[in-house]
N, C-alpha and C. Protein backbone atom coordinates (compact mmCIF):
# COMPACT_ATOMS: atom_id res chain seq x y z
N MET A 1 -14.37 4.21 -0.30
CA MET A 1 -13.10 3.71 -0.78
C MET A 1 -13.09 2.19 -0.62
N ARG A 2 -12.68 1.51 -1.67
CA ARG A 2 -12.62 0.05 -1.66
C ARG A 2 -11.19 -0.39 -1.36
N ILE A 3 -11.04 -1.30 -0.42
CA ILE A 3 -9.73 -1.82 -0.04
C ILE A 3 -9.70 -3.31 -0.30
N THR A 4 -8.69 -3.77 -1.05
CA THR A 4 -8.52 -5.20 -1.28
C THR A 4 -7.12 -5.60 -0.84
N VAL A 5 -7.03 -6.74 -0.18
CA VAL A 5 -5.75 -7.27 0.27
C VAL A 5 -5.62 -8.67 -0.33
N THR A 6 -4.58 -8.88 -1.13
CA THR A 6 -4.33 -10.18 -1.73
C THR A 6 -2.93 -10.64 -1.37
N SER A 7 -2.73 -11.94 -1.43
CA SER A 7 -1.40 -12.47 -1.13
C SER A 7 -0.99 -13.44 -2.23
N ARG A 8 0.30 -13.42 -2.53
CA ARG A 8 0.87 -14.32 -3.53
C ARG A 8 1.92 -15.18 -2.87
N HIS A 9 1.95 -16.44 -3.21
CA HIS A 9 2.95 -17.39 -2.73
C HIS A 9 2.90 -17.60 -1.23
N VAL A 10 1.85 -17.15 -0.58
CA VAL A 10 1.71 -17.34 0.86
C VAL A 10 0.24 -17.21 1.23
N GLU A 11 -0.16 -17.93 2.24
CA GLU A 11 -1.51 -17.77 2.78
C GLU A 11 -1.39 -16.82 3.96
N ALA A 12 -1.80 -15.57 3.75
CA ALA A 12 -1.67 -14.56 4.79
C ALA A 12 -2.63 -14.85 5.94
N THR A 13 -2.14 -14.67 7.15
CA THR A 13 -2.97 -14.89 8.32
C THR A 13 -4.00 -13.76 8.45
N PRO A 14 -5.09 -14.01 9.13
CA PRO A 14 -6.10 -12.96 9.30
C PRO A 14 -5.55 -11.71 10.01
N THR A 15 -4.58 -11.88 10.90
CA THR A 15 -4.02 -10.70 11.58
C THR A 15 -3.20 -9.85 10.62
N VAL A 16 -2.46 -10.48 9.71
CA VAL A 16 -1.68 -9.72 8.72
C VAL A 16 -2.63 -9.00 7.77
N VAL A 17 -3.69 -9.68 7.35
CA VAL A 17 -4.67 -9.06 6.46
C VAL A 17 -5.35 -7.88 7.15
N ALA A 18 -5.70 -8.03 8.41
CA ALA A 18 -6.33 -6.94 9.16
C ALA A 18 -5.37 -5.77 9.32
N TYR A 19 -4.09 -6.07 9.55
CA TYR A 19 -3.08 -5.03 9.70
C TYR A 19 -2.92 -4.24 8.39
N ALA A 20 -2.85 -4.96 7.27
CA ALA A 20 -2.73 -4.30 5.97
C ALA A 20 -3.98 -3.47 5.67
N HIS A 21 -5.15 -3.98 6.02
CA HIS A 21 -6.40 -3.26 5.80
C HIS A 21 -6.43 -1.98 6.64
N GLU A 22 -5.97 -2.07 7.87
CA GLU A 22 -5.92 -0.91 8.76
C GLU A 22 -4.98 0.17 8.20
N LYS A 23 -3.82 -0.25 7.72
CA LYS A 23 -2.87 0.71 7.15
C LYS A 23 -3.41 1.34 5.88
N ALA A 24 -4.08 0.55 5.05
CA ALA A 24 -4.64 1.08 3.81
C ALA A 24 -5.77 2.07 4.09
N ALA A 25 -6.51 1.87 5.17
CA ALA A 25 -7.60 2.77 5.51
C ALA A 25 -7.08 4.16 5.89
N LYS A 26 -5.86 4.25 6.40
CA LYS A 26 -5.29 5.54 6.78
C LYS A 26 -4.97 6.41 5.58
N VAL A 27 -4.87 5.81 4.41
CA VAL A 27 -4.50 6.54 3.20
C VAL A 27 -5.53 7.61 2.87
N GLU A 28 -6.78 7.34 3.13
CA GLU A 28 -7.85 8.28 2.77
C GLU A 28 -7.75 9.60 3.53
N HIS A 29 -7.10 9.61 4.68
CA HIS A 29 -6.96 10.84 5.47
C HIS A 29 -6.03 11.85 4.79
N HIS A 30 -5.17 11.37 3.91
CA HIS A 30 -4.17 12.25 3.32
C HIS A 30 -4.59 12.86 1.99
N LEU A 31 -5.51 12.22 1.28
CA LEU A 31 -6.00 12.77 0.02
C LEU A 31 -7.44 12.31 -0.18
N GLU A 32 -8.34 13.27 -0.32
CA GLU A 32 -9.75 12.92 -0.47
C GLU A 32 -10.03 12.41 -1.87
N GLY A 33 -11.03 11.57 -1.98
CA GLY A 33 -11.47 11.11 -3.29
C GLY A 33 -10.76 9.87 -3.80
N ILE A 34 -10.03 9.17 -2.96
CA ILE A 34 -9.37 7.95 -3.40
C ILE A 34 -10.44 6.90 -3.68
N LEU A 35 -10.37 6.30 -4.86
CA LEU A 35 -11.38 5.31 -5.25
C LEU A 35 -11.11 3.95 -4.64
N SER A 36 -9.86 3.49 -4.72
CA SER A 36 -9.55 2.16 -4.20
C SER A 36 -8.08 2.07 -3.82
N VAL A 37 -7.81 1.15 -2.92
CA VAL A 37 -6.43 0.83 -2.53
C VAL A 37 -6.30 -0.69 -2.59
N ALA A 38 -5.33 -1.15 -3.35
CA ALA A 38 -5.07 -2.59 -3.46
C ALA A 38 -3.73 -2.87 -2.79
N VAL A 39 -3.71 -3.83 -1.89
CA VAL A 39 -2.49 -4.22 -1.20
C VAL A 39 -2.16 -5.65 -1.62
N THR A 40 -0.94 -5.86 -2.09
CA THR A 40 -0.49 -7.19 -2.49
C THR A 40 0.68 -7.58 -1.62
N LEU A 41 0.57 -8.73 -0.99
CA LEU A 41 1.62 -9.26 -0.11
C LEU A 41 2.26 -10.46 -0.79
N ASP A 42 3.59 -10.55 -0.70
CA ASP A 42 4.31 -11.62 -1.37
C ASP A 42 5.50 -12.04 -0.51
N VAL A 43 5.85 -13.31 -0.58
CA VAL A 43 7.04 -13.80 0.11
C VAL A 43 8.11 -14.09 -0.92
N GLY A 44 9.38 -14.06 -0.48
CA GLY A 44 10.49 -14.29 -1.38
C GLY A 44 10.52 -15.71 -1.90
N ARG A 45 10.89 -15.82 -3.15
CA ARG A 45 11.10 -17.14 -3.73
C ARG A 45 12.59 -17.37 -3.84
N ARG A 46 12.97 -18.45 -4.47
CA ARG A 46 14.39 -18.75 -4.62
C ARG A 46 15.14 -17.56 -5.22
N GLY A 47 16.19 -17.14 -4.56
CA GLY A 47 16.99 -16.02 -5.06
C GLY A 47 16.47 -14.65 -4.67
N HIS A 48 15.27 -14.56 -4.11
CA HIS A 48 14.70 -13.28 -3.71
C HIS A 48 14.32 -13.36 -2.23
N ALA A 49 15.21 -12.94 -1.39
CA ALA A 49 14.96 -13.03 0.05
C ALA A 49 14.03 -11.91 0.50
N GLY A 50 13.30 -12.16 1.55
CA GLY A 50 12.47 -11.12 2.15
C GLY A 50 11.01 -11.22 1.74
N GLN A 51 10.23 -10.40 2.39
CA GLN A 51 8.79 -10.31 2.15
C GLN A 51 8.53 -8.96 1.48
N THR A 52 7.59 -8.91 0.56
CA THR A 52 7.30 -7.66 -0.13
C THR A 52 5.84 -7.26 0.05
N ALA A 53 5.62 -5.96 0.01
CA ALA A 53 4.27 -5.40 0.05
C ALA A 53 4.18 -4.33 -1.04
N GLU A 54 3.03 -4.26 -1.65
CA GLU A 54 2.80 -3.28 -2.71
C GLU A 54 1.45 -2.63 -2.45
N PHE A 55 1.42 -1.31 -2.47
CA PHE A 55 0.18 -0.55 -2.34
C PHE A 55 -0.08 0.14 -3.67
N ILE A 56 -1.31 0.03 -4.17
CA ILE A 56 -1.71 0.74 -5.38
C ILE A 56 -2.97 1.53 -5.04
N ALA A 57 -2.87 2.85 -5.10
CA ALA A 57 -4.01 3.72 -4.81
C ALA A 57 -4.48 4.37 -6.11
N ARG A 58 -5.76 4.25 -6.39
CA ARG A 58 -6.34 4.84 -7.60
C ARG A 58 -7.19 6.04 -7.19
N VAL A 59 -6.98 7.14 -7.92
CA VAL A 59 -7.71 8.38 -7.65
C VAL A 59 -8.50 8.77 -8.89
N PRO A 60 -9.47 9.66 -8.75
CA PRO A 60 -10.26 10.07 -9.91
C PRO A 60 -9.38 10.67 -11.01
N LYS A 61 -9.91 10.66 -12.20
CA LYS A 61 -9.24 11.18 -13.39
C LYS A 61 -8.00 10.37 -13.76
N GLY A 62 -8.01 9.10 -13.43
CA GLY A 62 -6.96 8.20 -13.91
C GLY A 62 -5.65 8.21 -13.17
N GLY A 63 -5.57 8.89 -12.05
CA GLY A 63 -4.31 8.93 -11.31
C GLY A 63 -4.08 7.65 -10.52
N THR A 64 -2.84 7.19 -10.51
CA THR A 64 -2.48 5.99 -9.77
C THR A 64 -1.17 6.24 -9.03
N PHE A 65 -1.15 5.84 -7.77
CA PHE A 65 0.05 5.94 -6.94
C PHE A 65 0.46 4.53 -6.54
N VAL A 66 1.72 4.18 -6.75
CA VAL A 66 2.20 2.83 -6.48
C VAL A 66 3.42 2.91 -5.57
N SER A 67 3.46 2.03 -4.56
CA SER A 67 4.64 1.93 -3.71
C SER A 67 4.96 0.46 -3.46
N HIS A 68 6.23 0.13 -3.54
CA HIS A 68 6.72 -1.23 -3.29
C HIS A 68 7.70 -1.17 -2.13
N SER A 69 7.76 -2.24 -1.37
CA SER A 69 8.73 -2.29 -0.30
C SER A 69 9.04 -3.74 0.05
N ARG A 70 10.27 -3.96 0.48
CA ARG A 70 10.72 -5.28 0.88
C ARG A 70 11.21 -5.19 2.32
N GLY A 71 10.86 -6.19 3.12
CA GLY A 71 11.27 -6.21 4.51
C GLY A 71 11.52 -7.62 5.00
N VAL A 72 12.00 -7.70 6.22
CA VAL A 72 12.27 -9.00 6.83
C VAL A 72 10.96 -9.73 7.13
N SER A 73 9.94 -8.98 7.55
CA SER A 73 8.63 -9.56 7.83
C SER A 73 7.58 -8.84 7.00
N LEU A 74 6.40 -9.42 6.92
CA LEU A 74 5.32 -8.76 6.19
C LEU A 74 4.91 -7.46 6.87
N TYR A 75 4.94 -7.44 8.19
CA TYR A 75 4.59 -6.22 8.92
C TYR A 75 5.53 -5.07 8.57
N GLU A 76 6.82 -5.37 8.52
CA GLU A 76 7.81 -4.34 8.18
C GLU A 76 7.60 -3.86 6.74
N ALA A 77 7.38 -4.80 5.83
CA ALA A 77 7.16 -4.43 4.43
C ALA A 77 5.90 -3.58 4.27
N ILE A 78 4.84 -3.91 5.00
CA ILE A 78 3.60 -3.12 4.94
C ILE A 78 3.85 -1.71 5.46
N ASP A 79 4.55 -1.58 6.58
CA ASP A 79 4.84 -0.26 7.14
C ASP A 79 5.66 0.59 6.18
N LEU A 80 6.69 0.00 5.58
CA LEU A 80 7.54 0.75 4.66
C LEU A 80 6.79 1.18 3.40
N ALA A 81 5.98 0.27 2.85
CA ALA A 81 5.21 0.60 1.65
C ALA A 81 4.17 1.67 1.94
N GLU A 82 3.55 1.59 3.11
CA GLU A 82 2.56 2.60 3.47
C GLU A 82 3.23 3.97 3.61
N GLY A 83 4.40 4.01 4.22
CA GLY A 83 5.13 5.27 4.35
C GLY A 83 5.47 5.89 3.01
N LYS A 84 5.89 5.07 2.07
CA LYS A 84 6.21 5.57 0.73
C LYS A 84 4.96 6.11 0.04
N LEU A 85 3.85 5.39 0.17
CA LEU A 85 2.62 5.83 -0.46
C LEU A 85 2.13 7.14 0.16
N LEU A 86 2.22 7.27 1.47
CA LEU A 86 1.78 8.50 2.12
C LEU A 86 2.62 9.69 1.69
N SER A 87 3.92 9.49 1.52
CA SER A 87 4.76 10.61 1.07
C SER A 87 4.39 11.02 -0.36
N GLN A 88 4.05 10.06 -1.21
CA GLN A 88 3.60 10.38 -2.57
C GLN A 88 2.30 11.18 -2.52
N LEU A 89 1.38 10.76 -1.67
CA LEU A 89 0.10 11.46 -1.56
C LEU A 89 0.26 12.86 -1.00
N ARG A 90 1.17 13.03 -0.03
CA ARG A 90 1.42 14.38 0.51
C ARG A 90 1.96 15.32 -0.57
N ARG A 91 2.89 14.81 -1.40
CA ARG A 91 3.43 15.62 -2.49
C ARG A 91 2.33 15.99 -3.48
N ALA A 92 1.46 15.04 -3.81
CA ALA A 92 0.37 15.31 -4.75
C ALA A 92 -0.60 16.33 -4.18
N LYS A 93 -0.88 16.23 -2.89
CA LYS A 93 -1.80 17.17 -2.26
C LYS A 93 -1.18 18.58 -2.24
N ALA A 94 0.10 18.66 -1.97
CA ALA A 94 0.77 19.97 -1.99
C ALA A 94 0.76 20.57 -3.39
N LYS A 95 0.91 19.73 -4.39
CA LYS A 95 0.87 20.20 -5.77
C LYS A 95 -0.52 20.77 -6.10
N LEU A 96 -1.56 20.07 -5.65
CA LEU A 96 -2.93 20.53 -5.91
C LEU A 96 -3.20 21.86 -5.21
N ARG A 97 -2.67 22.04 -4.03
CA ARG A 97 -2.89 23.30 -3.28
C ARG A 97 -2.20 24.48 -3.97
N ARG A 98 -1.05 24.23 -4.60
CA ARG A 98 -0.31 25.32 -5.27
C ARG A 98 -1.01 25.80 -6.52
N ARG A 99 -1.84 24.97 -7.12
CA ARG A 99 -2.50 25.35 -8.38
C ARG A 99 -3.59 26.33 -8.18
C-alpha cells in the first residue's frame, strides 16, 4: 500500500506528517487490498477558519473512499477524517461479507 501525505498552504512539520502517515497505515487493517491512501492537509484561508484533512483511499476495481474533516488543529482534523474513513471501510467490508 502506498501512502502519500501532502500539505497545502502550510509547511507541515515532520511530526504532523509522521502522525498522518501512522493513521493512514491503520486503514489497511480494516479492508485488504487497498492500493493507496493519499492524505492532504490544509490550513484555513481568509473566511475559512480551521485546519482540514482529507483521506482518499483507492481500492481495486476502481473503488475510492473519501473523507474530509475540519478541526481546530491538524491533529484533530486527521483523527476525525481517519474515523470517517474507517467507518466507510467497515460498511464496505460488511457489504462484501453479505454477498
